[in-house]
Amino acid sequence: MRKVKSVLFLILVFVPVLSYGQFLGLGGQYSEKSDGQFVASFSFPTIHPAHNKLNSFVSSGMEFTTSGGAKMSGLHLKPVQISTFFSEDFFNNTPYTILFGVDGGYLFDFRHDRKNAITITPNLYFDYKFVFVKAGYEFDVSHGRSQYFVRAGVCFGMGTLKMFGNTKIW
C-alpha cells in the first residue's frame, strides 16, 4: 500500500509540472567513455520577459540519464537554465529553433560510487518539428569531472509548436 501511495504522490506532483512543460524529450545520449545512454528531460519557463535586449529567458527542469559507462549520469535537477535565441526575427520566421544556453543544477548520481555534484552545463540546442539535438559540456564543480555530450531524440518543444500556426516568441 505504501508503494501505491508513493507512486500516486509522484504522479500528482509531476503531471501538473509536465503539462506546463515547454520541452519534453526522450532520446539517446553519447558522452565520453559511454556505450550510449537513454535520456529523458523536461523544462518549463520560469522567467520570460517580453522583448528583452538579450533575447533570453530562464527555465527550470529535470533530466535523467542512464549510466552506460559515462562519467556523470543520474537525475539532474536544473533550477536555472538560461537560454538565448539570438534574434526575435530569426526565431519567429524559421521553422526550427536554435538556442544557446547555460544550465546550472544538482546531479544525483545513482551509481555505486555516488558522486552527487553541483554542475554547470553550457550547451547548444536545435529542434525541428518532433526532433531535437542538444550538444554541450558538463562541468562537475564539486569533484572536478567533466564530459562532452550529444543528445538526440524525439520531443515536444518549440519546434513542434511552430508547426501549428504562427507561433511567436512573445
C-alpha atoms as a PDB file:
ATOM      1  CA  MET A   1       0.000   0.000   0.000  1.00  0.00           C
ATOM      2  CA  ARG A   2       2.904   2.345   0.785  1.00  0.00           C
ATOM      3  CA  LYS A   3       4.348   1.846  -2.705  1.00  0.00           C
ATOM      4  CA  VAL A   4       0.979   2.686  -4.299  1.00  0.00           C
ATOM      5  CA  LYS A   5       0.770   5.894  -2.242  1.00  0.00           C
ATOM      6  CA  SER A   6       4.313   6.855  -3.278  1.00  0.00           C
ATOM      7  CA  VAL A   7       3.549   6.321  -6.961  1.00  0.00           C
ATOM      8  CA  LEU A   8       0.274   8.246  -6.654  1.00  0.00           C
ATOM      9  CA  PHE A   9       2.104  11.113  -4.930  1.00  0.00           C
ATOM     10  CA  LEU A  10       4.718  11.273  -7.707  1.00  0.00           C
ATOM     11  CA  ILE A  11       2.018  11.285 -10.389  1.00  0.00           C
ATOM     12  CA  LEU A  12       0.110  14.092  -8.655  1.00  0.00           C
ATOM     13  CA  VAL A  13       3.289  16.158  -8.327  1.00  0.00           C
ATOM     14  CA  PHE A  14       4.735  15.621 -11.805  1.00  0.00           C
ATOM     15  CA  VAL A  15       1.603  15.662 -14.016  1.00  0.00           C
ATOM     16  CA  PRO A  16       0.961  19.405 -13.479  1.00  0.00           C
ATOM     17  CA  VAL A  17       4.656  20.195 -13.997  1.00  0.00           C
ATOM     18  CA  LEU A  18       4.877  18.074 -17.147  1.00  0.00           C
ATOM     19  CA  SER A  19       1.681  19.518 -18.602  1.00  0.00           C
ATOM     20  CA  TYR A  20       3.172  23.024 -18.240  1.00  0.00           C
ATOM     21  CA  GLY A  21       6.363  21.819 -19.945  1.00  0.00           C
ATOM     22  CA  GLN A  22       7.941  23.901 -22.675  1.00  0.00           C
ATOM     23  CA  PHE A  23      10.093  20.969 -23.669  1.00  0.00           C
ATOM     24  CA  LEU A  24       9.541  17.236 -23.224  1.00  0.00           C
ATOM     25  CA  GLY A  25      12.116  14.939 -24.754  1.00  0.00           C
ATOM     26  CA  LEU A  26      13.095  11.267 -24.964  1.00  0.00           C
ATOM     27  CA  GLY A  27      16.189  10.054 -26.715  1.00  0.00           C
ATOM     28  CA  GLY A  28      19.738   8.869 -26.516  1.00  0.00           C
ATOM     29  CA  GLN A  29      22.958  10.422 -25.349  1.00  0.00           C
ATOM     30  CA  TYR A  30      26.526   9.869 -26.377  1.00  0.00           C
ATOM     31  CA  SER A  31      29.225  11.057 -23.986  1.00  0.00           C
ATOM     32  CA  GLU A  32      32.875  10.294 -23.361  1.00  0.00           C
ATOM     33  CA  LYS A  33      33.535   6.654 -22.373  1.00  0.00           C
ATOM     34  CA  SER A  34      29.848   5.725 -22.636  1.00  0.00           C
ATOM     35  CA  ASP A  35      28.194   2.888 -24.502  1.00  0.00           C
ATOM     36  CA  GLY A  36      25.179   5.080 -25.216  1.00  0.00           C
ATOM     37  CA  GLN A  37      22.585   6.202 -22.744  1.00  0.00           C
ATOM     38  CA  PHE A  38      18.845   6.766 -22.523  1.00  0.00           C
ATOM     39  CA  VAL A  39      17.867  10.339 -21.650  1.00  0.00           C
ATOM     40  CA  ALA A  40      14.519  11.831 -20.624  1.00  0.00           C
ATOM     41  CA  SER A  41      14.129  15.552 -19.963  1.00  0.00           C
ATOM     42  CA  PHE A  42      11.633  18.312 -19.495  1.00  0.00           C
ATOM     43  CA  SER A  43      11.747  22.030 -18.766  1.00  0.00           C
ATOM     44  CA  PHE A  44       9.311  24.865 -18.322  1.00  0.00           C
ATOM     45  CA  PRO A  45       9.706  28.658 -18.459  1.00  0.00           C
ATOM     46  CA  THR A  46      10.075  30.466 -15.144  1.00  0.00           C
ATOM     47  CA  ILE A  47      11.173  33.967 -16.224  1.00  0.00           C
ATOM     48  CA  HIS A  48      10.263  35.050 -19.738  1.00  0.00           C
ATOM     49  CA  PRO A  49      10.435  38.867 -20.015  1.00  0.00           C
ATOM     50  CA  ALA A  50       8.942  40.218 -23.236  1.00  0.00           C
ATOM     51  CA  HIS A  51      11.205  41.965 -25.745  1.00  0.00           C
ATOM     52  CA  ASN A  52      14.383  41.947 -23.647  1.00  0.00           C
ATOM     53  CA  LYS A  53      17.578  43.152 -25.314  1.00  0.00           C
ATOM     54  CA  LEU A  54      19.419  39.891 -24.691  1.00  0.00           C
ATOM     55  CA  ASN A  55      16.665  37.790 -26.339  1.00  0.00           C
ATOM     56  CA  SER A  56      16.850  35.369 -23.433  1.00  0.00           C
ATOM     57  CA  PHE A  57      14.685  33.565 -20.912  1.00  0.00           C
ATOM     58  CA  VAL A  58      15.109  31.382 -17.827  1.00  0.00           C
ATOM     59  CA  SER A  59      13.682  27.873 -17.491  1.00  0.00           C
ATOM     60  CA  SER A  60      13.739  25.165 -14.856  1.00  0.00           C
ATOM     61  CA  GLY A  61      13.689  21.451 -15.444  1.00  0.00           C
ATOM     62  CA  MET A  62      14.990  17.983 -14.909  1.00  0.00           C
ATOM     63  CA  GLU A  63      16.962  15.387 -16.889  1.00  0.00           C
ATOM     64  CA  PHE A  64      17.504  11.693 -16.278  1.00  0.00           C
ATOM     65  CA  THR A  65      20.273   9.694 -17.944  1.00  0.00           C
ATOM     66  CA  THR A  66      21.124   6.036 -17.530  1.00  0.00           C
ATOM     67  CA  SER A  67      24.730   5.158 -16.714  1.00  0.00           C
ATOM     68  CA  GLY A  68      26.036   3.463 -19.845  1.00  0.00           C
ATOM     69  CA  GLY A  69      29.633   3.942 -18.650  1.00  0.00           C
ATOM     70  CA  ALA A  70      29.558   7.776 -18.628  1.00  0.00           C
ATOM     71  CA  LYS A  71      31.432   9.827 -16.020  1.00  0.00           C
ATOM     72  CA  MET A  72      28.223  11.581 -14.916  1.00  0.00           C
ATOM     73  CA  SER A  73      24.680  10.247 -15.070  1.00  0.00           C
ATOM     74  CA  GLY A  74      21.539  10.073 -12.972  1.00  0.00           C
ATOM     75  CA  LEU A  75      18.812  12.535 -12.009  1.00  0.00           C
ATOM     76  CA  HIS A  76      19.853  16.066 -12.864  1.00  0.00           C
ATOM     77  CA  LEU A  77      17.727  18.828 -11.276  1.00  0.00           C
ATOM     78  CA  LYS A  78      18.210  22.078 -13.180  1.00  0.00           C
ATOM     79  CA  PRO A  79      16.507  25.017 -11.452  1.00  0.00           C
ATOM     80  CA  VAL A  80      18.346  27.562 -13.631  1.00  0.00           C
ATOM     81  CA  GLN A  81      18.548  27.163 -17.421  1.00  0.00           C
ATOM     82  CA  ILE A  82      19.402  30.464 -19.114  1.00  0.00           C
ATOM     83  CA  SER A  83      18.840  30.388 -22.887  1.00  0.00           C
ATOM     84  CA  THR A  84      19.125  32.898 -25.688  1.00  0.00           C
ATOM     85  CA  PHE A  85      17.603  32.651 -29.164  1.00  0.00           C
ATOM     86  CA  PHE A  86      19.890  35.347 -30.693  1.00  0.00           C
ATOM     87  CA  SER A  87      17.243  37.223 -32.715  1.00  0.00           C
ATOM     88  CA  GLU A  88      13.494  37.641 -32.322  1.00  0.00           C
ATOM     89  CA  ASP A  89      13.027  37.824 -36.112  1.00  0.00           C
ATOM     90  CA  PHE A  90      15.088  34.680 -36.665  1.00  0.00           C
ATOM     91  CA  PHE A  91      13.077  32.773 -34.048  1.00  0.00           C
ATOM     92  CA  ASN A  92       9.704  33.968 -35.363  1.00  0.00           C
ATOM     93  CA  ASN A  93      10.435  33.368 -39.073  1.00  0.00           C
ATOM     94  CA  THR A  94      12.139  29.958 -39.121  1.00  0.00           C
ATOM     95  CA  PRO A  95      10.517  26.523 -38.700  1.00  0.00           C
ATOM     96  CA  TYR A  96      13.351  25.374 -36.430  1.00  0.00           C
ATOM     97  CA  THR A  97      14.746  26.616 -33.129  1.00  0.00           C
ATOM     98  CA  ILE A  98      18.368  27.253 -32.179  1.00  0.00           C
ATOM     99  CA  LEU A  99      19.191  28.167 -28.589  1.00  0.00           C
ATOM    100  CA  PHE A 100      22.469  28.776 -26.791  1.00  0.00           C
ATOM    101  CA  GLY A 101      22.199  28.106 -23.078  1.00  0.00           C
ATOM    102  CA  VAL A 102      23.882  27.573 -19.757  1.00  0.00           C
ATOM    103  CA  ASP A 103      22.269  25.256 -17.203  1.00  0.00           C
ATOM    104  CA  GLY A 104      23.056  25.123 -13.505  1.00  0.00           C
ATOM    105  CA  GLY A 105      21.907  22.324 -11.274  1.00  0.00           C
ATOM    106  CA  TYR A 106      22.491  19.388  -8.987  1.00  0.00           C
ATOM    107  CA  LEU A 107      23.223  15.856 -10.160  1.00  0.00           C
ATOM    108  CA  PHE A 108      22.028  12.896  -8.080  1.00  0.00           C
ATOM    109  CA  ASP A 109      24.360  10.120  -9.249  1.00  0.00           C
ATOM    110  CA  PHE A 110      22.675   6.739  -8.652  1.00  0.00           C
ATOM    111  CA  ARG A 111      25.714   4.572  -9.436  1.00  0.00           C
ATOM    112  CA  HIS A 112      27.706   2.651  -6.833  1.00  0.00           C
ATOM    113  CA  ASP A 113      30.338   5.396  -6.377  1.00  0.00           C
ATOM    114  CA  ARG A 114      27.575   8.021  -5.826  1.00  0.00           C
ATOM    115  CA  LYS A 115      29.306  11.282  -6.633  1.00  0.00           C
ATOM    116  CA  ASN A 116      26.443  13.768  -6.330  1.00  0.00           C
ATOM    117  CA  ALA A 117      27.532  17.148  -7.649  1.00  0.00           C
ATOM    118  CA  ILE A 118      26.764  20.748  -8.488  1.00  0.00           C
ATOM    119  CA  THR A 119      27.061  21.143 -12.263  1.00  0.00           C
ATOM    120  CA  ILE A 120      27.271  23.875 -14.889  1.00  0.00           C
ATOM    121  CA  THR A 121      26.445  22.943 -18.480  1.00  0.00           C
ATOM    122  CA  PRO A 122      26.945  25.278 -21.468  1.00  0.00           C
ATOM    123  CA  ASN A 123      25.046  23.858 -24.450  1.00  0.00           C
ATOM    124  CA  LEU A 124      23.667  24.400 -27.935  1.00  0.00           C
ATOM    125  CA  TYR A 125      20.116  23.203 -28.658  1.00  0.00           C
ATOM    126  CA  PHE A 126      18.402  22.635 -32.015  1.00  0.00           C
ATOM    127  CA  ASP A 127      14.889  21.361 -32.714  1.00  0.00           C
ATOM    128  CA  TYR A 128      12.765  20.905 -35.788  1.00  0.00           C
ATOM    129  CA  LYS A 129       9.207  19.624 -35.527  1.00  0.00           C
ATOM    130  CA  PHE A 130       9.413  16.485 -33.332  1.00  0.00           C
ATOM    131  CA  VAL A 131      13.219  16.044 -33.337  1.00  0.00           C
ATOM    132  CA  PHE A 132      15.894  17.649 -31.153  1.00  0.00           C
ATOM    133  CA  VAL A 133      19.685  17.674 -30.849  1.00  0.00           C
ATOM    134  CA  LYS A 134      21.498  19.126 -27.851  1.00  0.00           C
ATOM    135  CA  ALA A 135      25.285  19.255 -27.513  1.00  0.00           C
ATOM    136  CA  GLY A 136      27.307  20.597 -24.644  1.00  0.00           C
ATOM    137  CA  TYR A 137      29.915  20.216 -21.956  1.00  0.00           C
ATOM    138  CA  GLU A 138      29.081  19.310 -18.344  1.00  0.00           C
ATOM    139  CA  PHE A 139      31.327  20.638 -15.561  1.00  0.00           C
ATOM    140  CA  ASP A 140      31.150  18.948 -12.169  1.00  0.00           C
ATOM    141  CA  VAL A 141      32.062  21.816  -9.861  1.00  0.00           C
ATOM    142  CA  SER A 142      32.142  19.554  -6.780  1.00  0.00           C
ATOM    143  CA  HIS A 143      34.592  16.866  -7.975  1.00  0.00           C
ATOM    144  CA  GLY A 144      36.399  18.328 -10.979  1.00  0.00           C
ATOM    145  CA  ARG A 145      34.884  15.900 -13.514  1.00  0.00           C
ATOM    146  CA  SER A 146      33.681  16.969 -16.942  1.00  0.00           C
ATOM    147  CA  GLN A 147      32.277  15.406 -20.102  1.00  0.00           C
ATOM    148  CA  TYR A 148      31.145  16.318 -23.597  1.00  0.00           C
ATOM    149  CA  PHE A 149      27.731  15.061 -24.642  1.00  0.00           C
ATOM    150  CA  VAL A 150      25.427  14.929 -27.634  1.00  0.00           C
ATOM    151  CA  ARG A 151      21.739  14.132 -27.144  1.00  0.00           C
ATOM    152  CA  ALA A 152      19.213  13.431 -29.871  1.00  0.00           C
ATOM    153  CA  GLY A 153      15.675  12.164 -29.881  1.00  0.00           C
ATOM    154  CA  VAL A 154      12.010  12.948 -30.189  1.00  0.00           C
ATOM    155  CA  CYS A 155      10.466  15.890 -28.424  1.00  0.00           C
ATOM    156  CA  PHE A 156       7.550  18.121 -27.850  1.00  0.00           C
ATOM    157  CA  GLY A 157       9.227  21.515 -27.891  1.00  0.00           C
ATOM    158  CA  MET A 158       9.206  24.911 -29.516  1.00  0.00           C
ATOM    159  CA  GLY A 159       9.794  23.415 -32.961  1.00  0.00           C
ATOM    160  CA  THR A 160       6.655  21.313 -32.520  1.00  0.00           C
ATOM    161  CA  LEU A 161       4.620  24.385 -31.580  1.00  0.00           C
ATOM    162  CA  LYS A 162       5.916  26.229 -34.666  1.00  0.00           C
ATOM    163  CA  MET A 163       4.313  23.530 -36.865  1.00  0.00           C
ATOM    164  CA  PHE A 164       0.840  24.584 -35.689  1.00  0.00           C
ATOM    165  CA  GLY A 165       0.105  28.106 -36.786  1.00  0.00           C
ATOM    166  CA  ASN A 166       2.041  31.306 -36.485  1.00  0.00           C
ATOM    167  CA  THR A 167       3.974  30.829 -33.222  1.00  0.00           C
ATOM    168  CA  LYS A 168       5.910  33.821 -31.911  1.00  0.00           C
ATOM    169  CA  ILE A 169       8.357  34.004 -29.024  1.00  0.00           C
ATOM    170  CA  TRP A 170       6.471  36.850 -27.299  1.00  0.00           C
END
